[in-house]
Amino acid sequence: RRDGIVPEQWIDGPKDTTVEDALDKTYLPSLKTFEEEIMDAMGIVETRRAKKSYWY
């Protein structure tokens, strides 16, 4: 290989990600925007009302 690493000779170090951690499914899909997810995580409650919008 160009980077000089031979996969068969590789030894995992303490900072390497384990195979179990790499294959662990952690994503939970939701219908929220990024801002809404942060607000839920931090306990922020939105009290303002959305401005009316018109489509022509």
PDB file of N, CA and C in Angstrom:
ATOM      1  N   ARG A   1       0.827  -1.193   0.000  1.00  0.00           N
ATOM      2  CA  ARG A   1       0.000   0.000   0.000  1.00  0.00           C
ATOM      3  C   ARG A   1       0.864   1.247   0.000  1.00  0.00           C
ATOM      4  N   ARG A   2       0.280   2.327  -0.426  1.00  0.00           N
ATOM      5  CA  ARG A   2       1.038   3.572  -0.527  1.00  0.00           C
ATOM      6  C   ARG A   2       1.384   4.153   0.834  1.00  0.00           C
ATOM      7  N   ASP A   3       0.529   3.913   1.862  1.00  0.00           N
ATOM      8  CA  ASP A   3       0.806   4.494   3.178  1.00  0.00           C
ATOM      9  C   ASP A   3       1.733   3.624   4.017  1.00  0.00           C
ATOM     10  N   GLY A   4       2.119   2.472   3.525  1.00  0.00           N
ATOM     11  CA  GLY A   4       3.073   1.621   4.222  1.00  0.00           C
ATOM     12  C   GLY A   4       2.478   0.725   5.288  1.00  0.00           C
ATOM     13  N   ILE A   5       1.151   0.699   5.419  1.00  0.00           N
ATOM     14  CA  ILE A   5       0.501  -0.130   6.435  1.00  0.00           C
ATOM     15  C   ILE A   5       0.111  -1.467   5.814  1.00  0.00           C
ATOM     16  N   VAL A   6       0.488  -2.543   6.481  1.00  0.00           N
ATOM     17  CA  VAL A   6       0.110  -3.886   6.039  1.00  0.00           C
ATOM     18  C   VAL A   6      -1.035  -4.348   6.941  1.00  0.00           C
ATOM     19  N   PRO A   7      -2.257  -4.531   6.398  1.00  0.00           N
ATOM     20  CA  PRO A   7      -3.413  -4.871   7.235  1.00  0.00           C
ATOM     21  C   PRO A   7      -3.223  -6.122   8.078  1.00  0.00           C
ATOM     22  N   GLU A   8      -2.508  -7.110   7.565  1.00  0.00           N
ATOM     23  CA  GLU A   8      -2.320  -8.356   8.314  1.00  0.00           C
ATOM     24  C   GLU A   8      -1.420  -8.159   9.528  1.00  0.00           C
ATOM     25  N   GLN A   9      -0.570  -7.138   9.515  1.00  0.00           N
ATOM     26  CA  GLN A   9       0.368  -6.906  10.608  1.00  0.00           C
ATOM     27  C   GLN A   9      -0.114  -5.825  11.575  1.00  0.00           C
ATOM     28  N   TRP A  10      -1.305  -5.289  11.348  1.00  0.00           N
ATOM     29  CA  TRP A  10      -1.803  -4.188  12.173  1.00  0.00           C
ATOM     30  C   TRP A  10      -2.146  -4.671  13.573  1.00  0.00           C
ATOM     31  N   ILE A  11      -1.742  -3.912  14.587  1.00  0.00           N
ATOM     32  CA  ILE A  11      -2.075  -4.206  15.980  1.00  0.00           C
ATOM     33  C   ILE A  11      -2.891  -3.031  16.510  1.00  0.00           C
ATOM     34  N   ASP A  12      -4.087  -3.322  17.040  1.00  0.00           N
ATOM     35  CA  ASP A  12      -4.942  -2.260  17.566  1.00  0.00           C
ATOM     36  C   ASP A  12      -4.303  -1.605  18.778  1.00  0.00           C
ATOM     37  N   GLY A  13      -4.379  -0.276  18.804  1.00  0.00           N
ATOM     38  CA  GLY A  13      -3.864   0.490  19.931  1.00  0.00           C
ATOM     39  C   GLY A  13      -4.998   0.906  20.844  1.00  0.00           C
ATOM     40  N   PRO A  14      -4.682   1.616  21.922  1.00  0.00           N
ATOM     41  CA  PRO A  14      -5.720   2.015  22.881  1.00  0.00           C
ATOM     42  C   PRO A  14      -6.715   3.037  22.323  1.00  0.00           C
ATOM     43  N   LYS A  15      -6.335   3.788  21.291  1.00  0.00           N
ATOM     44  CA  LYS A  15      -7.229   4.809  20.737  1.00  0.00           C
ATOM     45  C   LYS A  15      -7.997   4.320  19.513  1.00  0.00           C
ATOM     46  N   ASP A  16      -7.792   3.070  19.109  1.00  0.00           N
ATOM     47  CA  ASP A  16      -8.505   2.521  17.958  1.00  0.00           C
ATOM     48  C   ASP A  16      -9.927   2.129  18.344  1.00  0.00           C
ATOM     49  N   THR A  17     -10.859   2.307  17.405  1.00  0.00           N
ATOM     50  CA  THR A  17     -12.250   1.935  17.616  1.00  0.00           C
ATOM     51  C   THR A  17     -12.406   0.430  17.442  1.00  0.00           C
ATOM     52  N   THR A  18     -13.102  -0.194  18.389  1.00  0.00           N
ATOM     53  CA  THR A  18     -13.319  -1.636  18.291  1.00  0.00           C
ATOM     54  C   THR A  18     -14.356  -1.937  17.212  1.00  0.00           C
ATOM     55  N   VAL A  19     -14.354  -3.157  16.715  1.00  0.00           N
ATOM     56  CA  VAL A  19     -15.304  -3.568  15.681  1.00  0.00           C
ATOM     57  C   VAL A  19     -16.727  -3.483  16.219  1.00  0.00           C
ATOM     58  N   GLU A  20     -16.933  -3.873  17.476  1.00  0.00           N
ATOM     59  CA  GLU A  20     -18.275  -3.832  18.074  1.00  0.00           C
ATOM     60  C   GLU A  20     -18.791  -2.395  18.144  1.00  0.00           C
ATOM     61  N   ASP A  21     -17.919  -1.453  18.521  1.00  0.00           N
ATOM     62  CA  ASP A  21     -18.337  -0.054  18.587  1.00  0.00           C
ATOM     63  C   ASP A  21     -18.627   0.506  17.197  1.00  0.00           C
ATOM     64  N   ALA A  22     -17.858   0.101  16.216  1.00  0.00           N
ATOM     65  CA  ALA A  22     -18.057   0.599  14.855  1.00  0.00           C
ATOM     66  C   ALA A  22     -19.351   0.067  14.250  1.00  0.00           C
ATOM     67  N   LEU A  23     -19.739  -1.159  14.595  1.00  0.00           N
ATOM     68  CA  LEU A  23     -20.946  -1.763  14.029  1.00  0.00           C
ATOM     69  C   LEU A  23     -22.195  -1.508  14.861  1.00  0.00           C
ATOM     70  N   ASP A  24     -22.053  -0.852  16.005  1.00  0.00           N
ATOM     71  CA  ASP A  24     -23.186  -0.590  16.886  1.00  0.00           C
ATOM     72  C   ASP A  24     -24.126   0.420  16.240  1.00  0.00           C
ATOM     73  N   LYS A  25     -25.405   0.103  16.193  1.00  0.00           N
ATOM     74  CA  LYS A  25     -26.411   0.984  15.606  1.00  0.00           C
ATOM     75  C   LYS A  25     -26.855   1.999  16.659  1.00  0.00           C
ATOM     76  N   THR A  26     -26.475   3.259  16.481  1.00  0.00           N
ATOM     77  CA  THR A  26     -26.798   4.287  17.468  1.00  0.00           C
ATOM     78  C   THR A  26     -27.731   5.360  16.915  1.00  0.00           C
ATOM     79  N   TYR A  27     -27.985   5.371  15.612  1.00  0.00           N
ATOM     80  CA  TYR A  27     -28.823   6.405  15.018  1.00  0.00           C
ATOM     81  C   TYR A  27     -30.294   6.089  15.247  1.00  0.00           C
ATOM     82  N   LEU A  28     -31.039   7.056  15.769  1.00  0.00           N
ATOM     83  CA  LEU A  28     -32.488   6.925  15.944  1.00  0.00           C
ATOM     84  C   LEU A  28     -33.161   7.999  15.092  1.00  0.00           C
ATOM     85  N   PRO A  29     -33.802   7.621  13.975  1.00  0.00           N
ATOM     86  CA  PRO A  29     -34.416   8.623  13.112  1.00  0.00           C
ATOM     87  C   PRO A  29     -35.602   9.300  13.787  1.00  0.00           C
ATOM     88  N   SER A  30     -35.763  10.590  13.519  1.00  0.00           N
ATOM     89  CA  SER A  30     -36.902  11.330  14.051  1.00  0.00           C
ATOM     90  C   SER A  30     -37.276  12.419  13.054  1.00  0.00           C
ATOM     91  N   LEU A  31     -38.474  12.935  13.199  1.00  0.00           N
ATOM     92  CA  LEU A  31     -38.955  13.979  12.298  1.00  0.00           C
ATOM     93  C   LEU A  31     -38.765  15.354  12.920  1.00  0.00           C
ATOM     94  N   LYS A  32     -37.627  15.580  13.525  1.00  0.00           N
ATOM     95  CA  LYS A  32     -37.312  16.863  14.146  1.00  0.00           C
ATOM     96  C   LYS A  32     -36.143  17.499  13.417  1.00  0.00           C
ATOM     97  N   THR A  33     -36.104  18.831  13.465  1.00  0.00           N
ATOM     98  CA  THR A  33     -34.941  19.520  12.931  1.00  0.00           C
ATOM     99  C   THR A  33     -33.812  19.434  13.947  1.00  0.00           C
ATOM    100  N   PHE A  34     -32.623  19.821  13.521  1.00  0.00           N
ATOM    101  CA  PHE A  34     -31.472  19.809  14.422  1.00  0.00           C
ATOM    102  C   PHE A  34     -31.736  20.702  15.634  1.00  0.00           C
ATOM    103  N   GLU A  35     -32.319  21.870  15.395  1.00  0.00           N
ATOM    104  CA  GLU A  35     -32.602  22.804  16.481  1.00  0.00           C
ATOM    105  C   GLU A  35     -33.608  22.219  17.472  1.00  0.00           C
ATOM    106  N   GLU A  36     -34.629  21.518  16.960  1.00  0.00           N
ATOM    107  CA  GLU A  36     -35.617  20.905  17.854  1.00  0.00           C
ATOM    108  C   GLU A  36     -35.002  19.799  18.702  1.00  0.00           C
ATOM    109  N   GLU A  37     -34.090  19.020  18.130  1.00  0.00           N
ATOM    110  CA  GLU A  37     -33.426  17.975  18.905  1.00  0.00           C
ATOM    111  C   GLU A  37     -32.574  18.573  20.021  1.00  0.00           C
ATOM    112  N   ILE A  38     -31.857  19.658  19.719  1.00  0.00           N
ATOM    113  CA  ILE A  38     -31.037  20.321  20.744  1.00  0.00           C
ATOM    114  C   ILE A  38     -31.927  20.902  21.834  1.00  0.00           C
ATOM    115  N   MET A  39     -33.046  21.508  21.451  1.00  0.00           N
ATOM    116  CA  MET A  39     -33.963  22.080  22.439  1.00  0.00           C
ATOM    117  C   MET A  39     -34.513  20.996  23.357  1.00  0.00           C
ATOM    118  N   ASP A  40     -34.877  19.842  22.810  1.00  0.00           N
ATOM    119  CA  ASP A  40     -35.369  18.738  23.638  1.00  0.00           C
ATOM    120  C   ASP A  40     -34.289  18.224  24.576  1.00  0.00           C
ATOM    121  N   ALA A  41     -33.068  18.116  24.080  1.00  0.00           N
ATOM    122  CA  ALA A  41     -31.973  17.596  24.903  1.00  0.00           C
ATOM    123  C   ALA A  41     -31.638  18.542  26.053  1.00  0.00           C
ATOM    124  N   MET A  42     -31.784  19.858  25.815  1.00  0.00           N
ATOM    125  CA  MET A  42     -31.429  20.842  26.840  1.00  0.00           C
ATOM    126  C   MET A  42     -32.628  21.300  27.663  1.00  0.00           C
ATOM    127  N   GLY A  43     -33.818  20.816  27.332  1.00  0.00           N
ATOM    128  CA  GLY A  43     -35.009  21.163  28.096  1.00  0.00           C
ATOM    129  C   GLY A  43     -35.551  22.550  27.807  1.00  0.00           C
ATOM    130  N   ILE A  44     -35.279  23.086  26.629  1.00  0.00           N
ATOM    131  CA  ILE A  44     -35.756  24.418  26.257  1.00  0.00           C
ATOM    132  C   ILE A  44     -37.145  24.282  25.650  1.00  0.00           C
ATOM    133  N   VAL A  45     -38.091  25.101  26.116  1.00  0.00           N
ATOM    134  CA  VAL A  45     -39.463  25.061  25.611  1.00  0.00           C
ATOM    135  C   VAL A  45     -39.720  26.333  24.816  1.00  0.00           C
ATOM    136  N   GLU A  46     -40.173  26.174  23.581  1.00  0.00           N
ATOM    137  CA  GLU A  46     -40.466  27.310  22.712  1.00  0.00           C
ATOM    138  C   GLU A  46     -41.870  27.813  23.010  1.00  0.00           C
ATOM    139  N   THR A  47     -41.989  29.082  23.380  1.00  0.00           N
ATOM    140  CA  THR A  47     -43.294  29.655  23.720  1.00  0.00           C
ATOM    141  C   THR A  47     -43.813  30.577  22.624  1.00  0.00           C
ATOM    142  N   ARG A  48     -42.972  30.930  21.668  1.00  0.00           N
ATOM    143  CA  ARG A  48     -43.415  31.826  20.599  1.00  0.00           C
ATOM    144  C   ARG A  48     -44.261  31.064  19.586  1.00  0.00           C
ATOM    145  N   ARG A  49     -45.135  31.786  18.900  1.00  0.00           N
ATOM    146  CA  ARG A  49     -45.943  31.182  17.851  1.00  0.00           C
ATOM    147  C   ARG A  49     -45.317  31.489  16.497  1.00  0.00           C
ATOM    148  N   ALA A  50     -45.474  30.565  15.572  1.00  0.00           N
ATOM    149  CA  ALA A  50     -44.929  30.771  14.232  1.00  0.00           C
ATOM    150  C   ALA A  50     -45.711  31.858  13.512  1.00  0.00           C
ATOM    151  N   LYS A  51     -45.002  32.674  12.751  1.00  0.00           N
ATOM    152  CA  LYS A  51     -45.633  33.732  11.985  1.00  0.00           C
ATOM    153  C   LYS A  51     -46.434  33.115  10.842  1.00  0.00           C
ATOM    154  N   LYS A  52     -47.584  33.691  10.524  1.00  0.00           N
ATOM    155  CA  LYS A  52     -48.398  33.179   9.433  1.00  0.00           C
ATOM    156  C   LYS A  52     -47.654  33.342   8.118  1.00  0.00           C
ATOM    157  N   SER A  53     -47.775  32.343   7.264  1.00  0.00           N
ATOM    158  CA  SER A  53     -47.160  32.430   5.938  1.00  0.00           C
ATOM    159  C   SER A  53     -48.246  32.175   4.896  1.00  0.00           C
ATOM    160  N   TYR A  54     -48.098  32.822   3.768  1.00  0.00           N
ATOM    161  CA  TYR A  54     -49.093  32.722   2.708  1.00  0.00           C
ATOM    162  C   TYR A  54     -48.429  32.213   1.443  1.00  0.00           C
ATOM    163  N   TRP A  55     -49.123  31.312   0.738  1.00  0.00           N
ATOM    164  CA  TRP A  55     -48.637  30.789  -0.524  1.00  0.00           C
ATOM    165  C   TRP A  55     -49.518  31.334  -1.641  1.00  0.00           C
ATOM    166  N   TYR A  56     -48.899  31.846  -2.679  1.00  0.00           N
ATOM    167  CA  TYR A  56     -49.649  32.397  -3.806  1.00  0.00           C
ATOM    168  C   TYR A  56     -49.444  31.563  -5.021  1.00  0.00           C
TER     169      TYR A  56
END
